[in-house]
Amino acid sequence: MDVVEKVQSYLDQYNMGLEVTVLEESTSTCELAAEALNVEVGQIAKTLVFLAGGQPVLVVASGDNRVKSSKLKKRLGVSKVRLADPETVRRVTGYSVGGVCPVALPEKLPILLDNSMRRFTVVYAAAGTPNSALPVTMEQLEKITGGEWADLR
């Protein structure tokens, strides 16, 4: 089973009609994804892996916002947070940077959903490859990720 099939199979169990979109164009950055999907950069839901006190945490945020490490530290109650390196991202998520999907992960991780995405009806998360996208509403995103909403910008 390829990566997109794995993500789609995970989504199908929720019976929400969620469909992965595979594109010809690259979606490996927020800007490229927005261009390929003809949406605002903010509608791209980037999935980042941070190491908080050495433990991996997934953060899903709008593509036009920066996650503030001070807010992340406070939310998680740790003194140090840093962005994970590409090797760690692949190991903990099963996806490479540029296509990190917030679902169908090899192990359960804490997931924080940044409130900045709530200004949109639909956001587009990567679906495991650098040319795929998953359009989701905020309610769907919360349900399929098990994530908690937080103010991280």
N, C-alpha and C. Protein backbone atom coordinates (compact mmCIF):
# COMPACT_ATOMS: atom_id res chain seq x y z
N MET A 1 0.85 -1.19 0.00
CA MET A 1 0.00 0.00 0.00
C MET A 1 0.89 1.24 0.00
N ASP A 2 0.63 2.15 -0.93
CA ASP A 2 1.45 3.36 -0.94
C ASP A 2 0.96 4.34 0.13
N VAL A 3 1.71 5.42 0.31
CA VAL A 3 1.44 6.38 1.38
C VAL A 3 0.05 7.01 1.26
N VAL A 4 -0.31 7.44 0.07
CA VAL A 4 -1.62 8.08 -0.12
C VAL A 4 -2.74 7.08 0.18
N GLU A 5 -2.58 5.82 -0.25
CA GLU A 5 -3.58 4.79 0.05
C GLU A 5 -3.69 4.57 1.56
N LYS A 6 -2.54 4.60 2.26
CA LYS A 6 -2.53 4.43 3.72
C LYS A 6 -3.32 5.55 4.38
N VAL A 7 -3.08 6.79 3.95
CA VAL A 7 -3.80 7.94 4.51
C VAL A 7 -5.30 7.83 4.20
N GLN A 8 -5.63 7.50 2.95
CA GLN A 8 -7.04 7.38 2.55
C GLN A 8 -7.74 6.28 3.35
N SER A 9 -7.07 5.17 3.54
CA SER A 9 -7.62 4.06 4.32
C SER A 9 -7.91 4.49 5.76
N TYR A 10 -6.99 5.27 6.34
CA TYR A 10 -7.18 5.79 7.70
C TYR A 10 -8.41 6.69 7.73
N LEU A 11 -8.54 7.58 6.74
CA LEU A 11 -9.65 8.52 6.70
C LEU A 11 -10.99 7.82 6.51
N ASP A 12 -11.00 6.76 5.71
CA ASP A 12 -12.25 6.05 5.40
C ASP A 12 -12.94 5.52 6.65
N GLN A 13 -12.18 5.18 7.69
CA GLN A 13 -12.79 4.64 8.90
C GLN A 13 -13.69 5.65 9.62
N TYR A 14 -13.55 6.93 9.30
CA TYR A 14 -14.36 7.97 9.94
C TYR A 14 -15.68 8.23 9.20
N ASN A 15 -15.83 7.68 7.99
CA ASN A 15 -17.06 7.87 7.21
C ASN A 15 -17.49 9.33 7.09
N MET A 16 -16.53 10.20 6.81
CA MET A 16 -16.83 11.62 6.65
C MET A 16 -16.72 12.05 5.19
N GLY A 17 -16.45 11.12 4.32
CA GLY A 17 -16.31 11.47 2.91
C GLY A 17 -15.04 12.23 2.59
N LEU A 18 -14.04 12.15 3.45
CA LEU A 18 -12.78 12.85 3.21
C LEU A 18 -12.01 12.15 2.09
N GLU A 19 -11.49 12.95 1.16
CA GLU A 19 -10.77 12.42 0.00
C GLU A 19 -9.43 13.11 -0.17
N VAL A 20 -8.38 12.30 -0.28
CA VAL A 20 -7.06 12.84 -0.58
C VAL A 20 -7.04 13.29 -2.05
N THR A 21 -6.47 14.45 -2.30
CA THR A 21 -6.30 14.96 -3.65
C THR A 21 -4.83 14.80 -4.04
N VAL A 22 -4.57 14.17 -5.17
CA VAL A 22 -3.20 14.06 -5.68
C VAL A 22 -3.08 15.00 -6.86
N LEU A 23 -2.05 15.81 -6.83
CA LEU A 23 -1.85 16.84 -7.85
C LEU A 23 -0.61 16.57 -8.69
N GLU A 24 -0.57 17.17 -9.86
CA GLU A 24 0.63 17.12 -10.71
C GLU A 24 1.70 18.02 -10.12
N GLU A 25 1.26 19.19 -9.59
CA GLU A 25 2.18 20.18 -9.06
C GLU A 25 2.67 19.80 -7.66
N SER A 26 3.80 20.39 -7.29
CA SER A 26 4.35 20.17 -5.95
C SER A 26 3.52 20.92 -4.91
N THR A 27 3.35 20.28 -3.76
CA THR A 27 2.69 20.91 -2.62
C THR A 27 3.65 20.88 -1.42
N SER A 28 4.95 20.82 -1.71
CA SER A 28 5.96 20.61 -0.66
C SER A 28 6.22 21.81 0.24
N THR A 29 5.77 23.00 -0.17
CA THR A 29 5.84 24.17 0.71
C THR A 29 4.44 24.77 0.76
N CYS A 30 4.20 25.60 1.75
CA CYS A 30 2.88 26.23 1.87
C CYS A 30 2.57 27.07 0.64
N GLU A 31 3.57 27.80 0.14
CA GLU A 31 3.36 28.66 -1.02
C GLU A 31 3.01 27.84 -2.26
N LEU A 32 3.79 26.76 -2.50
CA LEU A 32 3.52 25.90 -3.66
C LEU A 32 2.16 25.23 -3.56
N ALA A 33 1.82 24.77 -2.35
CA ALA A 33 0.53 24.11 -2.14
C ALA A 33 -0.62 25.09 -2.40
N ALA A 34 -0.49 26.30 -1.89
CA ALA A 34 -1.53 27.31 -2.09
C ALA A 34 -1.72 27.60 -3.58
N GLU A 35 -0.60 27.71 -4.29
CA GLU A 35 -0.66 27.97 -5.73
C GLU A 35 -1.32 26.79 -6.46
N ALA A 36 -0.90 25.57 -6.13
CA ALA A 36 -1.44 24.38 -6.79
C ALA A 36 -2.94 24.21 -6.52
N LEU A 37 -3.38 24.58 -5.32
CA LEU A 37 -4.78 24.40 -4.93
C LEU A 37 -5.62 25.65 -5.16
N ASN A 38 -4.97 26.74 -5.56
CA ASN A 38 -5.64 28.00 -5.82
C ASN A 38 -6.38 28.52 -4.57
N VAL A 39 -5.65 28.51 -3.43
CA VAL A 39 -6.19 29.00 -2.16
C VAL A 39 -5.16 29.94 -1.52
N GLU A 40 -5.54 30.60 -0.43
CA GLU A 40 -4.62 31.45 0.32
C GLU A 40 -3.58 30.59 1.02
N VAL A 41 -2.38 31.13 1.22
CA VAL A 41 -1.32 30.41 1.94
C VAL A 41 -1.80 30.02 3.34
N GLY A 42 -2.60 30.87 3.96
CA GLY A 42 -3.12 30.58 5.30
C GLY A 42 -3.99 29.34 5.36
N GLN A 43 -4.58 28.96 4.22
CA GLN A 43 -5.44 27.78 4.18
C GLN A 43 -4.65 26.48 4.12
N ILE A 44 -3.34 26.57 3.97
CA ILE A 44 -2.51 25.37 3.98
C ILE A 44 -2.21 25.05 5.45
N ALA A 45 -2.60 23.86 5.87
CA ALA A 45 -2.39 23.43 7.25
C ALA A 45 -1.06 22.69 7.31
N LYS A 46 0.00 23.43 7.70
CA LYS A 46 1.32 22.80 7.77
C LYS A 46 1.43 21.98 9.04
N THR A 47 2.04 20.80 8.90
CA THR A 47 2.24 19.93 10.05
C THR A 47 3.72 19.93 10.39
N LEU A 48 4.03 20.41 11.58
CA LEU A 48 5.41 20.53 12.04
C LEU A 48 5.65 19.60 13.22
N VAL A 49 6.87 19.10 13.33
CA VAL A 49 7.24 18.27 14.47
C VAL A 49 8.23 19.06 15.32
N PHE A 50 7.86 19.25 16.57
CA PHE A 50 8.75 19.89 17.53
C PHE A 50 9.20 18.86 18.55
N LEU A 51 10.39 19.06 19.09
CA LEU A 51 10.84 18.27 20.22
C LEU A 51 10.69 19.16 21.43
N ALA A 52 9.81 18.76 22.34
CA ALA A 52 9.52 19.53 23.54
C ALA A 52 10.06 18.74 24.73
N GLY A 53 11.12 19.25 25.30
CA GLY A 53 11.76 18.50 26.38
C GLY A 53 12.22 17.14 25.86
N GLY A 54 12.58 17.09 24.58
CA GLY A 54 13.06 15.85 23.97
C GLY A 54 11.97 14.95 23.41
N GLN A 55 10.70 15.26 23.68
CA GLN A 55 9.58 14.43 23.22
C GLN A 55 8.93 15.05 21.99
N PRO A 56 8.61 14.22 20.97
CA PRO A 56 7.99 14.77 19.77
C PRO A 56 6.54 15.21 19.99
N VAL A 57 6.21 16.35 19.42
CA VAL A 57 4.86 16.91 19.46
C VAL A 57 4.55 17.41 18.05
N LEU A 58 3.36 17.09 17.56
CA LEU A 58 2.94 17.57 16.25
C LEU A 58 2.15 18.86 16.43
N VAL A 59 2.45 19.85 15.59
CA VAL A 59 1.70 21.09 15.59
C VAL A 59 1.17 21.30 14.17
N VAL A 60 -0.14 21.52 14.06
CA VAL A 60 -0.75 21.82 12.76
C VAL A 60 -1.16 23.29 12.83
N ALA A 61 -0.63 24.08 11.88
CA ALA A 61 -0.86 25.53 11.90
C ALA A 61 -1.07 26.07 10.50
N SER A 62 -1.66 27.26 10.42
CA SER A 62 -1.85 27.92 9.13
C SER A 62 -0.50 28.21 8.48
N GLY A 63 -0.47 28.04 7.17
CA GLY A 63 0.76 28.23 6.42
C GLY A 63 1.32 29.63 6.44
N ASP A 64 0.51 30.61 6.81
CA ASP A 64 0.99 31.99 6.83
C ASP A 64 1.39 32.45 8.23
N ASN A 65 1.43 31.54 9.19
CA ASN A 65 1.79 31.90 10.56
C ASN A 65 3.01 31.14 11.05
N ARG A 66 3.73 31.79 11.95
CA ARG A 66 4.87 31.14 12.61
C ARG A 66 4.40 30.68 13.99
N VAL A 67 4.81 29.48 14.35
CA VAL A 67 4.50 28.96 15.69
C VAL A 67 5.49 29.61 16.66
N LYS A 68 4.97 30.21 17.71
CA LYS A 68 5.81 30.89 18.68
C LYS A 68 6.29 29.87 19.72
N SER A 69 7.61 29.69 19.79
CA SER A 69 8.15 28.69 20.70
C SER A 69 7.82 29.00 22.16
N SER A 70 7.74 30.29 22.52
CA SER A 70 7.41 30.64 23.91
C SER A 70 6.00 30.16 24.28
N LYS A 71 5.06 30.28 23.34
CA LYS A 71 3.69 29.80 23.61
C LYS A 71 3.64 28.28 23.67
N LEU A 72 4.43 27.64 22.80
CA LEU A 72 4.49 26.17 22.78
C LEU A 72 5.08 25.66 24.11
N LYS A 73 6.16 26.29 24.56
CA LYS A 73 6.79 25.90 25.84
C LYS A 73 5.79 26.02 26.99
N LYS A 74 5.09 27.16 27.02
CA LYS A 74 4.13 27.41 28.10
C LYS A 74 3.01 26.37 28.05
N ARG A 75 2.47 26.11 26.86
CA ARG A 75 1.37 25.16 26.70
C ARG A 75 1.78 23.75 27.14
N LEU A 76 3.02 23.36 26.82
CA LEU A 76 3.49 22.00 27.12
C LEU A 76 4.21 21.89 28.46
N GLY A 77 4.46 23.04 29.10
CA GLY A 77 5.12 23.02 30.40
C GLY A 77 6.56 22.53 30.33
N VAL A 78 7.27 22.93 29.29
CA VAL A 78 8.68 22.54 29.14
C VAL A 78 9.54 23.78 28.99
N SER A 79 10.85 23.62 29.23
CA SER A 79 11.75 24.77 29.13
C SER A 79 12.40 24.89 27.76
N LYS A 80 12.42 23.79 26.99
CA LYS A 80 13.05 23.84 25.67
C LYS A 80 12.17 23.20 24.60
N VAL A 81 12.02 23.89 23.48
CA VAL A 81 11.39 23.30 22.31
C VAL A 81 12.23 23.66 21.09
N ARG A 82 12.31 22.73 20.17
CA ARG A 82 13.01 23.02 18.92
C ARG A 82 12.35 22.20 17.81
N LEU A 83 12.50 22.71 16.60
CA LEU A 83 11.99 22.01 15.43
C LEU A 83 12.80 20.73 15.25
N ALA A 84 12.13 19.64 14.97
CA ALA A 84 12.83 18.36 14.76
C ALA A 84 13.54 18.37 13.42
N ASP A 85 14.64 17.62 13.34
CA ASP A 85 15.36 17.50 12.08
C ASP A 85 14.60 16.53 11.15
N PRO A 86 14.87 16.58 9.83
CA PRO A 86 14.12 15.74 8.88
C PRO A 86 14.14 14.25 9.19
N GLU A 87 15.24 13.74 9.70
CA GLU A 87 15.34 12.32 10.04
C GLU A 87 14.36 11.95 11.17
N THR A 88 14.32 12.81 12.19
CA THR A 88 13.40 12.59 13.32
C THR A 88 11.95 12.70 12.84
N VAL A 89 11.67 13.68 11.98
CA VAL A 89 10.32 13.85 11.45
C VAL A 89 9.87 12.56 10.77
N ARG A 90 10.73 12.01 9.92
CA ARG A 90 10.40 10.77 9.19
C ARG A 90 10.18 9.60 10.15
N ARG A 91 11.05 9.52 11.16
CA ARG A 91 10.96 8.41 12.12
C ARG A 91 9.67 8.45 12.93
N VAL A 92 9.29 9.63 13.42
CA VAL A 92 8.12 9.71 14.29
C VAL A 92 6.78 9.82 13.56
N THR A 93 6.81 10.31 12.31
CA THR A 93 5.55 10.46 11.58
C THR A 93 5.37 9.43 10.46
N GLY A 94 6.48 8.91 9.94
CA GLY A 94 6.40 8.01 8.79
C GLY A 94 6.36 8.78 7.48
N TYR A 95 6.46 10.11 7.55
CA TYR A 95 6.41 10.96 6.35
C TYR A 95 7.66 11.82 6.26
N SER A 96 8.01 12.19 5.03
CA SER A 96 9.15 13.08 4.82
C SER A 96 8.69 14.53 4.86
N VAL A 97 9.61 15.42 5.26
CA VAL A 97 9.34 16.85 5.25
C VAL A 97 8.86 17.25 3.86
N GLY A 98 7.81 18.06 3.80
CA GLY A 98 7.23 18.46 2.52
C GLY A 98 5.95 17.69 2.22
N GLY A 99 5.68 16.67 3.04
CA GLY A 99 4.46 15.89 2.84
C GLY A 99 3.92 15.33 4.15
N VAL A 100 4.32 15.92 5.27
CA VAL A 100 3.93 15.38 6.58
C VAL A 100 2.43 15.53 6.80
N CYS A 101 1.80 14.40 6.99
CA CYS A 101 0.36 14.32 7.21
C CYS A 101 0.10 14.20 8.72
N PRO A 102 -0.93 14.86 9.24
CA PRO A 102 -1.19 14.79 10.68
C PRO A 102 -1.98 13.55 11.13
N VAL A 103 -2.23 12.61 10.20
CA VAL A 103 -2.97 11.38 10.54
C VAL A 103 -2.23 10.15 10.03
N ALA A 104 -2.73 8.98 10.44
CA ALA A 104 -2.14 7.69 10.03
C ALA A 104 -0.67 7.63 10.44
N LEU A 105 -0.41 8.01 11.69
CA LEU A 105 0.94 8.04 12.23
C LEU A 105 1.30 6.66 12.79
N PRO A 106 2.61 6.31 12.78
CA PRO A 106 3.01 4.99 13.30
C PRO A 106 2.76 4.83 14.80
N GLU A 107 2.81 5.93 15.54
CA GLU A 107 2.52 5.87 16.98
C GLU A 107 1.76 7.12 17.38
N LYS A 108 1.04 7.03 18.50
CA LYS A 108 0.24 8.16 18.96
C LYS A 108 1.17 9.26 19.46
N LEU A 109 0.94 10.46 18.97
CA LEU A 109 1.72 11.63 19.39
C LEU A 109 0.77 12.71 19.88
N PRO A 110 1.24 13.56 20.82
CA PRO A 110 0.42 14.72 21.17
C PRO A 110 0.31 15.62 19.94
N ILE A 111 -0.89 16.12 19.66
CA ILE A 111 -1.11 16.98 18.50
C ILE A 111 -1.81 18.25 18.95
N LEU A 112 -1.22 19.38 18.59
CA LEU A 112 -1.82 20.69 18.87
C LEU A 112 -2.24 21.32 17.56
N LEU A 113 -3.46 21.84 17.54
CA LEU A 113 -4.02 22.50 16.36
C LEU A 113 -4.07 23.99 16.66
N ASP A 114 -3.36 24.79 15.86
CA ASP A 114 -3.32 26.21 16.14
C ASP A 114 -4.63 26.90 15.77
N ASN A 115 -5.09 27.74 16.69
CA ASN A 115 -6.35 28.47 16.50
C ASN A 115 -6.37 29.32 15.23
N SER A 116 -5.20 29.65 14.69
CA SER A 116 -5.14 30.51 13.50
C SER A 116 -5.88 29.91 12.30
N MET A 117 -6.06 28.59 12.30
CA MET A 117 -6.76 27.94 11.18
C MET A 117 -8.27 28.14 11.24
N ARG A 118 -8.79 28.50 12.41
CA ARG A 118 -10.24 28.61 12.59
C ARG A 118 -10.89 29.72 11.76
N ARG A 119 -10.08 30.62 11.18
CA ARG A 119 -10.67 31.68 10.35
C ARG A 119 -11.10 31.15 9.00
N PHE A 120 -10.76 29.91 8.68
CA PHE A 120 -11.14 29.30 7.40
C PHE A 120 -12.19 28.22 7.59
N THR A 121 -13.02 28.05 6.60
CA THR A 121 -14.01 26.96 6.62
C THR A 121 -13.31 25.64 6.37
N VAL A 122 -12.36 25.66 5.42
CA VAL A 122 -11.62 24.45 5.03
C VAL A 122 -10.14 24.79 4.97
N VAL A 123 -9.31 23.87 5.47
CA VAL A 123 -7.86 23.98 5.30
C VAL A 123 -7.38 22.73 4.56
N TYR A 124 -6.15 22.79 4.05
CA TYR A 124 -5.59 21.70 3.26
C TYR A 124 -4.31 21.20 3.93
N ALA A 125 -4.36 19.98 4.45
CA ALA A 125 -3.17 19.37 5.06
C ALA A 125 -2.47 18.50 4.02
N ALA A 126 -1.19 18.29 4.21
CA ALA A 126 -0.47 17.36 3.33
C ALA A 126 -1.01 15.96 3.61
N ALA A 127 -0.97 15.12 2.59
CA ALA A 127 -1.51 13.76 2.73
C ALA A 127 -0.42 12.70 2.54
N GLY A 128 0.80 13.03 2.98
CA GLY A 128 1.86 12.04 3.01
C GLY A 128 2.88 12.12 1.90
N THR A 129 2.61 12.94 0.87
CA THR A 129 3.54 13.09 -0.24
C THR A 129 3.70 14.57 -0.58
N PRO A 130 4.75 14.95 -1.31
CA PRO A 130 4.94 16.35 -1.68
C PRO A 130 4.07 16.80 -2.85
N ASN A 131 3.02 16.05 -3.18
CA ASN A 131 2.07 16.48 -4.22
C ASN A 131 0.65 16.00 -3.91
N SER A 132 0.33 16.00 -2.60
CA SER A 132 -1.02 15.58 -2.20
C SER A 132 -1.56 16.54 -1.16
N ALA A 133 -2.88 16.58 -1.06
CA ALA A 133 -3.53 17.46 -0.09
C ALA A 133 -4.81 16.81 0.42
N LEU A 134 -5.17 17.20 1.62
CA LEU A 134 -6.39 16.70 2.24
C LEU A 134 -7.22 17.89 2.69
N PRO A 135 -8.31 18.20 1.96
CA PRO A 135 -9.18 19.29 2.40
C PRO A 135 -10.04 18.84 3.58
N VAL A 136 -10.00 19.62 4.68
CA VAL A 136 -10.77 19.27 5.88
C VAL A 136 -11.34 20.52 6.54
N THR A 137 -12.48 20.35 7.21
CA THR A 137 -13.03 21.41 8.05
C THR A 137 -12.33 21.33 9.40
N MET A 138 -12.52 22.34 10.22
CA MET A 138 -11.89 22.33 11.56
C MET A 138 -12.40 21.17 12.41
N GLU A 139 -13.71 20.91 12.33
CA GLU A 139 -14.30 19.82 13.11
C GLU A 139 -13.73 18.47 12.66
N GLN A 140 -13.60 18.30 11.35
CA GLN A 140 -13.04 17.06 10.82
C GLN A 140 -11.58 16.90 11.25
N LEU A 141 -10.81 17.98 11.16
CA LEU A 141 -9.40 17.95 11.54
C LEU A 141 -9.24 17.55 13.00
N GLU A 142 -10.05 18.14 13.86
CA GLU A 142 -9.99 17.82 15.28
C GLU A 142 -10.31 16.34 15.51
N LYS A 143 -11.34 15.84 14.84
CA LYS A 143 -11.76 14.45 15.03
C LYS A 143 -10.72 13.45 14.51
N ILE A 144 -10.21 13.67 13.31
CA ILE A 144 -9.30 12.68 12.71
C ILE A 144 -7.90 12.69 13.33
N THR A 145 -7.51 13.85 13.94
CA THR A 145 -6.18 13.91 14.57
C THR A 145 -6.23 13.65 16.07
N GLY A 146 -7.39 13.88 16.68
CA GLY A 146 -7.47 13.81 18.14
C GLY A 146 -6.71 14.98 18.76
N GLY A 147 -6.47 16.03 17.96
CA GLY A 147 -5.68 17.16 18.42
C GLY A 147 -6.46 18.09 19.33
N GLU A 148 -5.71 18.91 20.06
CA GLU A 148 -6.29 19.92 20.95
C GLU A 148 -6.00 21.29 20.38
N TRP A 149 -6.98 22.19 20.46
CA TRP A 149 -6.81 23.55 19.96
C TRP A 149 -5.95 24.36 20.93
N ALA A 150 -5.09 25.22 20.37
CA ALA A 150 -4.20 26.04 21.18
C ALA A 150 -3.87 27.32 20.44
N ASP A 151 -3.52 28.36 21.21
CA ASP A 151 -3.07 29.61 20.61
C ASP A 151 -1.55 29.57 20.59
N LEU A 152 -0.97 29.34 19.41
CA LEU A 152 0.47 29.14 19.31
C LEU A 152 1.18 30.16 18.45
N ARG A 153 0.46 31.19 18.00
CA ARG A 153 1.17 32.17 17.15
C ARG A 153 1.42 33.46 17.89
